[in-house]
């Protein structure tokens, strides 16, 4: 790491080697409060608080809200990056849930768990994603684990 004109300079930008990368290039972007989804010919803003869960479905993400669901042409990973990992937690390769919608977590055999949402829906959490859920401060108490440090 070197300094140039008083700024800390990082390694070269991966897609533009002629461009010098600075800390501003790697600063996390602000998380979106709303996303735009198309419903027929109309674009509708959806606040992240209205979303209960997200399910990957091919090249689409199925957005489940209270009483309705929509398809959005996007990958689950990119949508989660935009909405924020502090708001949603991935529980399976193809599922993510709004942390505020989780009512309880019940352990199952072989490290898996079952999440019960506030609307009564039950979703299975794979053991691969259990550690990510444990790192979430809001869910640590539901799982019986000590809260992660701040």
N, C-alpha and C. Protein backbone atom coordinates (compact mmCIF):
# COMPACT_ATOMS: atom_id res chain seq x y z
N UNK A 1 0.85 -1.16 0.00
CA UNK A 1 0.00 0.00 0.00
C UNK A 1 0.89 1.23 0.00
N UNK A 2 0.60 2.16 -0.87
CA UNK A 2 1.41 3.36 -0.98
C UNK A 2 0.51 4.58 -0.84
N UNK A 3 1.15 5.72 -0.71
CA UNK A 3 0.42 6.96 -0.60
C UNK A 3 0.79 7.83 -1.79
N UNK A 4 -0.20 8.51 -2.34
CA UNK A 4 0.01 9.39 -3.49
C UNK A 4 -0.81 10.64 -3.27
N UNK A 5 -0.18 11.77 -3.23
CA UNK A 5 -0.84 13.07 -3.02
C UNK A 5 -1.72 13.03 -1.77
N UNK A 6 -1.23 12.39 -0.71
CA UNK A 6 -1.96 12.37 0.56
C UNK A 6 -3.07 11.35 0.64
N UNK A 7 -3.32 10.58 -0.41
CA UNK A 7 -4.38 9.57 -0.41
C UNK A 7 -3.75 8.19 -0.39
N UNK A 8 -4.38 7.30 0.33
CA UNK A 8 -3.91 5.92 0.35
C UNK A 8 -4.33 5.26 -0.96
N UNK A 9 -3.39 4.65 -1.63
CA UNK A 9 -3.66 4.05 -2.93
C UNK A 9 -3.66 2.53 -2.77
N UNK A 10 -4.68 1.90 -3.30
CA UNK A 10 -4.83 0.45 -3.24
C UNK A 10 -4.29 -0.16 -4.53
N UNK A 11 -4.20 -1.48 -4.61
CA UNK A 11 -3.75 -2.11 -5.86
C UNK A 11 -4.61 -1.66 -7.05
N UNK A 12 -4.11 -1.90 -8.22
CA UNK A 12 -4.79 -1.46 -9.43
C UNK A 12 -6.21 -1.99 -9.51
N UNK A 13 -7.04 -1.20 -10.16
CA UNK A 13 -8.44 -1.58 -10.35
C UNK A 13 -8.49 -2.83 -11.22
N UNK A 14 -9.25 -3.89 -10.84
CA UNK A 14 -9.22 -5.14 -11.58
C UNK A 14 -9.69 -5.06 -13.03
N UNK A 15 -10.65 -4.16 -13.34
CA UNK A 15 -11.17 -4.08 -14.70
C UNK A 15 -10.53 -2.97 -15.53
N UNK A 16 -9.84 -2.06 -14.85
CA UNK A 16 -9.19 -0.95 -15.53
C UNK A 16 -7.79 -0.79 -14.95
N UNK A 17 -6.82 -1.59 -15.41
CA UNK A 17 -5.48 -1.55 -14.82
C UNK A 17 -4.79 -0.19 -14.96
N UNK A 18 -5.24 0.62 -15.90
CA UNK A 18 -4.61 1.92 -16.06
C UNK A 18 -5.09 2.91 -14.99
N UNK A 19 -6.17 2.56 -14.29
CA UNK A 19 -6.75 3.44 -13.29
C UNK A 19 -6.27 3.05 -11.90
N UNK A 20 -5.87 4.01 -11.13
CA UNK A 20 -5.44 3.76 -9.76
C UNK A 20 -6.69 3.72 -8.88
N UNK A 21 -6.75 2.73 -8.01
CA UNK A 21 -7.90 2.55 -7.13
C UNK A 21 -7.65 3.27 -5.81
N UNK A 22 -8.63 3.98 -5.31
CA UNK A 22 -8.52 4.64 -4.01
C UNK A 22 -9.54 4.02 -3.05
N UNK A 23 -9.52 4.45 -1.81
CA UNK A 23 -10.44 3.90 -0.82
C UNK A 23 -11.89 4.15 -1.20
N UNK A 24 -12.17 5.24 -1.91
CA UNK A 24 -13.54 5.54 -2.31
C UNK A 24 -14.09 4.46 -3.23
N UNK A 25 -13.22 3.78 -3.98
CA UNK A 25 -13.67 2.73 -4.89
C UNK A 25 -14.16 1.49 -4.16
N UNK A 26 -13.67 1.25 -2.95
CA UNK A 26 -14.03 0.03 -2.24
C UNK A 26 -14.95 0.30 -1.06
N UNK A 27 -15.38 1.52 -0.89
CA UNK A 27 -16.30 1.87 0.19
C UNK A 27 -17.66 1.24 -0.09
N UNK A 28 -18.30 0.62 0.92
CA UNK A 28 -19.59 -0.01 0.66
C UNK A 28 -20.65 1.01 0.26
N UNK A 29 -21.48 0.64 -0.68
CA UNK A 29 -22.54 1.53 -1.14
C UNK A 29 -23.67 1.54 -0.13
N UNK A 30 -24.43 2.64 -0.12
CA UNK A 30 -25.59 2.74 0.77
C UNK A 30 -26.63 1.71 0.35
N UNK A 31 -27.32 1.13 1.31
CA UNK A 31 -28.32 0.11 1.01
C UNK A 31 -29.63 0.77 0.60
N UNK A 32 -30.28 0.16 -0.37
CA UNK A 32 -31.51 0.71 -0.92
C UNK A 32 -32.67 0.51 0.04
N UNK A 33 -33.49 1.52 0.18
CA UNK A 33 -34.72 1.41 0.97
C UNK A 33 -35.83 0.77 0.14
N UNK A 34 -35.83 1.06 -1.16
CA UNK A 34 -36.85 0.51 -2.05
C UNK A 34 -36.19 -0.06 -3.30
N UNK A 35 -36.90 -0.99 -3.91
CA UNK A 35 -36.49 -1.51 -5.22
C UNK A 35 -37.68 -1.32 -6.15
N UNK A 36 -37.40 -1.18 -7.42
CA UNK A 36 -38.46 -1.05 -8.42
C UNK A 36 -38.70 -2.41 -9.06
N UNK A 37 -39.93 -2.86 -9.03
CA UNK A 37 -40.27 -4.11 -9.71
C UNK A 37 -41.36 -3.82 -10.73
N UNK A 38 -41.32 -4.53 -11.84
CA UNK A 38 -42.32 -4.30 -12.89
C UNK A 38 -43.51 -5.22 -12.68
N UNK A 39 -44.68 -4.61 -12.73
CA UNK A 39 -45.93 -5.34 -12.64
C UNK A 39 -46.69 -4.99 -13.91
N UNK A 40 -46.63 -5.91 -14.88
CA UNK A 40 -47.18 -5.60 -16.19
C UNK A 40 -46.35 -4.51 -16.85
N UNK A 41 -47.00 -3.38 -17.17
CA UNK A 41 -46.31 -2.25 -17.79
C UNK A 41 -45.93 -1.17 -16.79
N UNK A 42 -46.19 -1.42 -15.52
CA UNK A 42 -45.97 -0.41 -14.49
C UNK A 42 -44.81 -0.80 -13.60
N UNK A 43 -43.95 0.17 -13.27
CA UNK A 43 -42.88 -0.05 -12.31
C UNK A 43 -43.39 0.39 -10.94
N UNK A 44 -43.30 -0.51 -9.94
CA UNK A 44 -43.81 -0.21 -8.61
C UNK A 44 -42.66 -0.22 -7.61
N UNK A 45 -42.54 0.83 -6.79
CA UNK A 45 -41.51 0.81 -5.74
C UNK A 45 -41.97 -0.08 -4.59
N UNK A 46 -41.07 -0.93 -4.10
CA UNK A 46 -41.37 -1.81 -2.98
C UNK A 46 -40.34 -1.53 -1.89
N UNK A 47 -40.82 -1.17 -0.71
CA UNK A 47 -39.95 -0.93 0.42
C UNK A 47 -39.48 -2.27 0.96
N UNK A 48 -38.23 -2.35 1.43
CA UNK A 48 -37.67 -3.61 1.92
C UNK A 48 -38.46 -4.14 3.11
N UNK A 49 -39.12 -3.27 3.88
CA UNK A 49 -39.90 -3.72 5.04
C UNK A 49 -41.14 -4.51 4.66
N UNK A 50 -41.62 -4.32 3.41
CA UNK A 50 -42.81 -5.05 2.93
C UNK A 50 -42.47 -6.48 2.52
N UNK A 51 -41.20 -6.77 2.28
CA UNK A 51 -40.78 -8.08 1.77
C UNK A 51 -40.66 -9.06 2.92
N UNK A 52 -41.28 -10.25 2.77
CA UNK A 52 -41.20 -11.31 3.77
C UNK A 52 -40.02 -12.22 3.46
N UNK A 53 -39.96 -12.70 2.21
CA UNK A 53 -38.87 -13.59 1.82
C UNK A 53 -38.60 -13.47 0.33
N UNK A 54 -37.45 -14.02 -0.07
CA UNK A 54 -37.02 -14.01 -1.46
C UNK A 54 -36.63 -15.42 -1.85
N UNK A 55 -37.03 -15.84 -3.04
CA UNK A 55 -36.69 -17.18 -3.52
C UNK A 55 -36.14 -17.09 -4.93
N UNK A 56 -34.98 -17.70 -5.16
CA UNK A 56 -34.40 -17.75 -6.49
C UNK A 56 -35.22 -18.71 -7.34
N UNK A 57 -35.49 -18.31 -8.57
CA UNK A 57 -36.26 -19.13 -9.49
C UNK A 57 -35.72 -18.92 -10.90
N UNK A 58 -34.67 -19.68 -11.23
CA UNK A 58 -34.01 -19.51 -12.53
C UNK A 58 -33.32 -18.17 -12.59
N UNK A 59 -33.62 -17.38 -13.62
CA UNK A 59 -33.04 -16.05 -13.77
C UNK A 59 -33.84 -14.98 -13.04
N UNK A 60 -34.78 -15.39 -12.24
CA UNK A 60 -35.65 -14.47 -11.53
C UNK A 60 -35.55 -14.67 -10.03
N UNK A 61 -36.03 -13.67 -9.30
CA UNK A 61 -36.22 -13.78 -7.86
C UNK A 61 -37.70 -13.60 -7.61
N UNK A 62 -38.27 -14.51 -6.87
CA UNK A 62 -39.67 -14.40 -6.49
C UNK A 62 -39.72 -13.64 -5.17
N UNK A 63 -40.36 -12.50 -5.16
CA UNK A 63 -40.45 -11.64 -3.98
C UNK A 63 -41.78 -11.90 -3.31
N UNK A 64 -41.74 -12.46 -2.10
CA UNK A 64 -42.94 -12.75 -1.35
C UNK A 64 -43.22 -11.59 -0.39
N UNK A 65 -44.43 -11.05 -0.50
CA UNK A 65 -44.86 -9.99 0.39
C UNK A 65 -46.12 -10.49 1.10
N UNK A 66 -46.65 -9.73 2.01
CA UNK A 66 -47.84 -10.15 2.73
C UNK A 66 -49.02 -10.26 1.76
N UNK A 67 -49.42 -11.50 1.45
CA UNK A 67 -50.58 -11.73 0.60
C UNK A 67 -50.34 -11.71 -0.89
N UNK A 68 -49.15 -11.40 -1.36
CA UNK A 68 -48.88 -11.37 -2.80
C UNK A 68 -47.42 -11.68 -3.06
N UNK A 69 -47.13 -12.02 -4.30
CA UNK A 69 -45.74 -12.26 -4.69
C UNK A 69 -45.53 -11.80 -6.12
N UNK A 70 -44.28 -11.44 -6.41
CA UNK A 70 -43.92 -10.91 -7.72
C UNK A 70 -42.62 -11.55 -8.18
N UNK A 71 -42.44 -11.63 -9.49
CA UNK A 71 -41.18 -12.08 -10.07
C UNK A 71 -40.39 -10.85 -10.49
N UNK A 72 -39.09 -10.91 -10.22
CA UNK A 72 -38.20 -9.79 -10.55
C UNK A 72 -37.00 -10.37 -11.29
N UNK A 73 -36.69 -9.83 -12.46
CA UNK A 73 -35.60 -10.37 -13.29
C UNK A 73 -34.26 -9.90 -12.74
N UNK A 74 -33.69 -10.73 -11.85
CA UNK A 74 -32.45 -10.41 -11.19
C UNK A 74 -31.96 -11.63 -10.42
N UNK A 75 -30.68 -11.68 -10.09
CA UNK A 75 -30.20 -12.80 -9.29
C UNK A 75 -30.43 -12.51 -7.81
N UNK A 76 -30.56 -13.57 -7.04
CA UNK A 76 -30.80 -13.42 -5.60
C UNK A 76 -29.61 -12.72 -4.94
N UNK A 77 -28.40 -13.08 -5.32
CA UNK A 77 -27.21 -12.48 -4.73
C UNK A 77 -27.13 -10.98 -4.96
N UNK A 78 -27.42 -10.53 -6.17
CA UNK A 78 -27.34 -9.08 -6.45
C UNK A 78 -28.45 -8.32 -5.73
N UNK A 79 -29.61 -8.93 -5.61
CA UNK A 79 -30.72 -8.27 -4.90
C UNK A 79 -30.40 -8.16 -3.41
N UNK A 80 -29.82 -9.22 -2.83
CA UNK A 80 -29.43 -9.18 -1.42
C UNK A 80 -28.34 -8.14 -1.18
N UNK A 81 -27.41 -8.01 -2.10
CA UNK A 81 -26.35 -7.01 -1.96
C UNK A 81 -26.94 -5.60 -1.96
N UNK A 82 -27.97 -5.38 -2.77
CA UNK A 82 -28.60 -4.07 -2.82
C UNK A 82 -29.43 -3.79 -1.58
N UNK A 83 -30.16 -4.79 -1.10
CA UNK A 83 -31.04 -4.59 0.05
C UNK A 83 -30.29 -4.55 1.37
N UNK A 84 -29.21 -5.31 1.47
CA UNK A 84 -28.38 -5.26 2.67
C UNK A 84 -28.44 -6.53 3.49
N UNK A 85 -27.26 -7.01 3.88
CA UNK A 85 -27.18 -8.24 4.67
C UNK A 85 -27.62 -8.02 6.11
N UNK A 86 -27.71 -6.78 6.56
CA UNK A 86 -28.20 -6.54 7.91
C UNK A 86 -29.72 -6.59 7.97
N UNK A 87 -30.38 -6.64 6.82
CA UNK A 87 -31.85 -6.69 6.76
C UNK A 87 -32.36 -8.08 6.37
N UNK A 88 -31.61 -8.76 5.54
CA UNK A 88 -32.01 -10.08 5.04
C UNK A 88 -30.90 -11.07 5.31
N UNK A 89 -31.28 -12.31 5.54
CA UNK A 89 -30.29 -13.35 5.78
C UNK A 89 -30.60 -14.51 4.83
N UNK A 90 -29.55 -15.03 4.23
CA UNK A 90 -29.70 -16.16 3.31
C UNK A 90 -29.75 -17.43 4.13
N UNK A 91 -30.77 -18.24 3.93
CA UNK A 91 -30.95 -19.46 4.72
C UNK A 91 -30.75 -20.72 3.89
N UNK A 92 -30.66 -20.55 2.60
CA UNK A 92 -30.50 -21.67 1.67
C UNK A 92 -29.93 -21.09 0.40
N UNK A 93 -29.41 -21.94 -0.45
CA UNK A 93 -28.86 -21.49 -1.72
C UNK A 93 -29.88 -20.67 -2.51
N UNK A 94 -31.14 -21.00 -2.36
CA UNK A 94 -32.16 -20.32 -3.14
C UNK A 94 -33.18 -19.54 -2.31
N UNK A 95 -32.93 -19.34 -1.02
CA UNK A 95 -33.88 -18.62 -0.17
C UNK A 95 -33.18 -17.60 0.71
N UNK A 96 -33.85 -16.47 0.93
CA UNK A 96 -33.42 -15.47 1.91
C UNK A 96 -34.68 -14.92 2.56
N UNK A 97 -34.56 -14.51 3.82
CA UNK A 97 -35.73 -13.98 4.53
C UNK A 97 -35.39 -12.64 5.18
N UNK A 98 -36.42 -11.84 5.35
CA UNK A 98 -36.32 -10.59 6.07
C UNK A 98 -36.15 -10.94 7.54
N UNK A 99 -35.10 -10.45 8.17
CA UNK A 99 -34.80 -10.80 9.55
C UNK A 99 -35.95 -10.42 10.48
N UNK A 100 -36.62 -9.31 10.20
CA UNK A 100 -37.72 -8.85 11.05
C UNK A 100 -38.92 -9.79 10.98
N UNK A 101 -39.01 -10.64 9.97
CA UNK A 101 -40.15 -11.55 9.80
C UNK A 101 -39.95 -12.90 10.48
N UNK A 102 -38.77 -13.17 11.04
CA UNK A 102 -38.51 -14.47 11.67
C UNK A 102 -39.05 -14.47 13.09
N UNK A 103 -39.93 -15.44 13.38
CA UNK A 103 -40.53 -15.55 14.71
C UNK A 103 -39.73 -16.51 15.59
N UNK A 104 -39.27 -17.63 15.03
CA UNK A 104 -38.52 -18.60 15.83
C UNK A 104 -37.64 -19.46 14.94
N UNK A 105 -36.66 -20.09 15.57
CA UNK A 105 -35.74 -21.01 14.89
C UNK A 105 -35.73 -22.30 15.69
N UNK A 106 -36.00 -23.43 15.01
CA UNK A 106 -36.02 -24.73 15.69
C UNK A 106 -34.95 -25.62 15.06
N UNK A 107 -34.00 -26.13 15.87
CA UNK A 107 -32.96 -27.00 15.31
C UNK A 107 -33.54 -28.32 14.81
N UNK A 108 -32.97 -28.83 13.74
CA UNK A 108 -33.34 -30.12 13.17
C UNK A 108 -32.10 -31.01 13.19
N UNK A 109 -32.26 -32.23 12.71
CA UNK A 109 -31.15 -33.18 12.67
C UNK A 109 -30.07 -32.73 11.69
N UNK A 110 -28.85 -33.15 11.93
CA UNK A 110 -27.69 -32.93 11.06
C UNK A 110 -27.38 -31.46 10.82
N UNK A 111 -27.66 -30.61 11.79
CA UNK A 111 -27.27 -29.22 11.70
C UNK A 111 -28.22 -28.29 10.98
N UNK A 112 -29.26 -28.80 10.39
CA UNK A 112 -30.23 -27.94 9.71
C UNK A 112 -31.15 -27.32 10.77
N UNK A 113 -32.00 -26.42 10.35
CA UNK A 113 -32.95 -25.79 11.27
C UNK A 113 -34.20 -25.41 10.49
N UNK A 114 -35.27 -25.17 11.24
CA UNK A 114 -36.52 -24.74 10.64
C UNK A 114 -36.84 -23.34 11.16
N UNK A 115 -37.09 -22.43 10.26
CA UNK A 115 -37.47 -21.08 10.63
C UNK A 115 -38.99 -20.95 10.51
N UNK A 116 -39.60 -20.38 11.52
CA UNK A 116 -41.03 -20.08 11.44
C UNK A 116 -41.14 -18.57 11.33
N UNK A 117 -41.82 -18.13 10.29
CA UNK A 117 -41.99 -16.70 10.05
C UNK A 117 -43.22 -16.18 10.78
N UNK A 118 -43.33 -14.89 10.90
CA UNK A 118 -44.47 -14.29 11.62
C UNK A 118 -45.81 -14.60 10.96
N UNK A 119 -45.81 -14.87 9.66
CA UNK A 119 -47.05 -15.21 8.96
C UNK A 119 -47.40 -16.69 9.08
N UNK A 120 -46.59 -17.47 9.83
CA UNK A 120 -46.85 -18.89 10.02
C UNK A 120 -46.12 -19.81 9.06
N UNK A 121 -45.54 -19.27 8.03
CA UNK A 121 -44.81 -20.07 7.05
C UNK A 121 -43.57 -20.68 7.69
N UNK A 122 -43.25 -21.92 7.32
CA UNK A 122 -42.06 -22.60 7.82
C UNK A 122 -41.10 -22.82 6.66
N UNK A 123 -39.83 -22.48 6.88
CA UNK A 123 -38.81 -22.65 5.87
C UNK A 123 -37.64 -23.41 6.48
N UNK A 124 -37.03 -24.26 5.70
CA UNK A 124 -35.89 -25.03 6.17
C UNK A 124 -34.61 -24.27 5.87
N UNK A 125 -33.77 -24.16 6.89
CA UNK A 125 -32.48 -23.52 6.75
C UNK A 125 -31.42 -24.60 6.64
N UNK A 126 -30.61 -24.55 5.58
CA UNK A 126 -29.59 -25.58 5.43
C UNK A 126 -28.44 -25.32 6.40
N UNK A 127 -27.73 -26.35 6.74
CA UNK A 127 -26.64 -26.21 7.71
C UNK A 127 -25.51 -25.35 7.16
N UNK A 128 -25.40 -25.28 5.85
CA UNK A 128 -24.36 -24.47 5.22
C UNK A 128 -24.52 -22.99 5.56
N UNK A 129 -25.75 -22.53 5.72
CA UNK A 129 -26.00 -21.12 5.98
C UNK A 129 -26.28 -20.83 7.45
N UNK A 130 -26.19 -21.85 8.30
CA UNK A 130 -26.49 -21.66 9.72
C UNK A 130 -25.51 -20.70 10.39
N UNK A 131 -24.23 -20.78 10.02
CA UNK A 131 -23.25 -19.89 10.64
C UNK A 131 -23.52 -18.43 10.28
N UNK A 132 -23.99 -18.17 9.07
CA UNK A 132 -24.33 -16.79 8.68
C UNK A 132 -25.49 -16.27 9.51
N UNK A 133 -26.44 -17.13 9.78
CA UNK A 133 -27.59 -16.73 10.60
C UNK A 133 -27.14 -16.47 12.03
N UNK A 134 -26.24 -17.29 12.54
CA UNK A 134 -25.73 -17.10 13.91
C UNK A 134 -25.00 -15.77 14.07
N UNK A 135 -24.33 -15.33 13.00
CA UNK A 135 -23.60 -14.06 13.06
C UNK A 135 -24.54 -12.87 13.09
N UNK A 136 -25.80 -13.10 12.77
CA UNK A 136 -26.78 -12.02 12.78
C UNK A 136 -27.22 -11.79 14.21
N UNK A 137 -26.93 -10.62 14.72
CA UNK A 137 -27.20 -10.29 16.12
C UNK A 137 -28.66 -10.53 16.49
N UNK A 138 -29.59 -10.16 15.63
CA UNK A 138 -31.01 -10.28 15.93
C UNK A 138 -31.46 -11.72 16.08
N UNK A 139 -30.77 -12.66 15.42
CA UNK A 139 -31.20 -14.06 15.44
C UNK A 139 -30.43 -14.92 16.43
N UNK A 140 -29.34 -14.41 16.95
CA UNK A 140 -28.51 -15.22 17.85
C UNK A 140 -29.31 -15.69 19.06
N UNK A 141 -30.13 -14.84 19.62
CA UNK A 141 -30.93 -15.22 20.80
C UNK A 141 -31.96 -16.28 20.45
N UNK A 142 -32.56 -16.21 19.26
CA UNK A 142 -33.55 -17.22 18.86
C UNK A 142 -32.91 -18.61 18.71
N UNK A 143 -31.63 -18.64 18.37
CA UNK A 143 -30.95 -19.91 18.14
C UNK A 143 -30.25 -20.41 19.40
N UNK A 144 -30.29 -19.63 20.48
CA UNK A 144 -29.67 -20.05 21.71
C UNK A 144 -28.16 -19.86 21.71
N UNK A 145 -27.66 -19.03 20.85
CA UNK A 145 -26.21 -18.79 20.77
C UNK A 145 -25.91 -17.42 21.37
N UNK A 146 -24.70 -17.23 21.87
CA UNK A 146 -24.34 -15.89 22.38
C UNK A 146 -24.32 -14.90 21.23
N UNK A 147 -24.68 -13.67 21.53
CA UNK A 147 -24.71 -12.63 20.49
C UNK A 147 -23.29 -12.34 20.02
N UNK A 148 -23.12 -12.14 18.71
CA UNK A 148 -21.79 -11.83 18.19
C UNK A 148 -21.35 -10.45 18.67
N UNK A 149 -20.04 -10.21 18.76
CA UNK A 149 -19.56 -8.90 19.20
C UNK A 149 -19.87 -7.83 18.16
N UNK A 150 -20.01 -6.61 18.62
CA UNK A 150 -20.30 -5.49 17.69
C UNK A 150 -19.07 -5.07 16.97
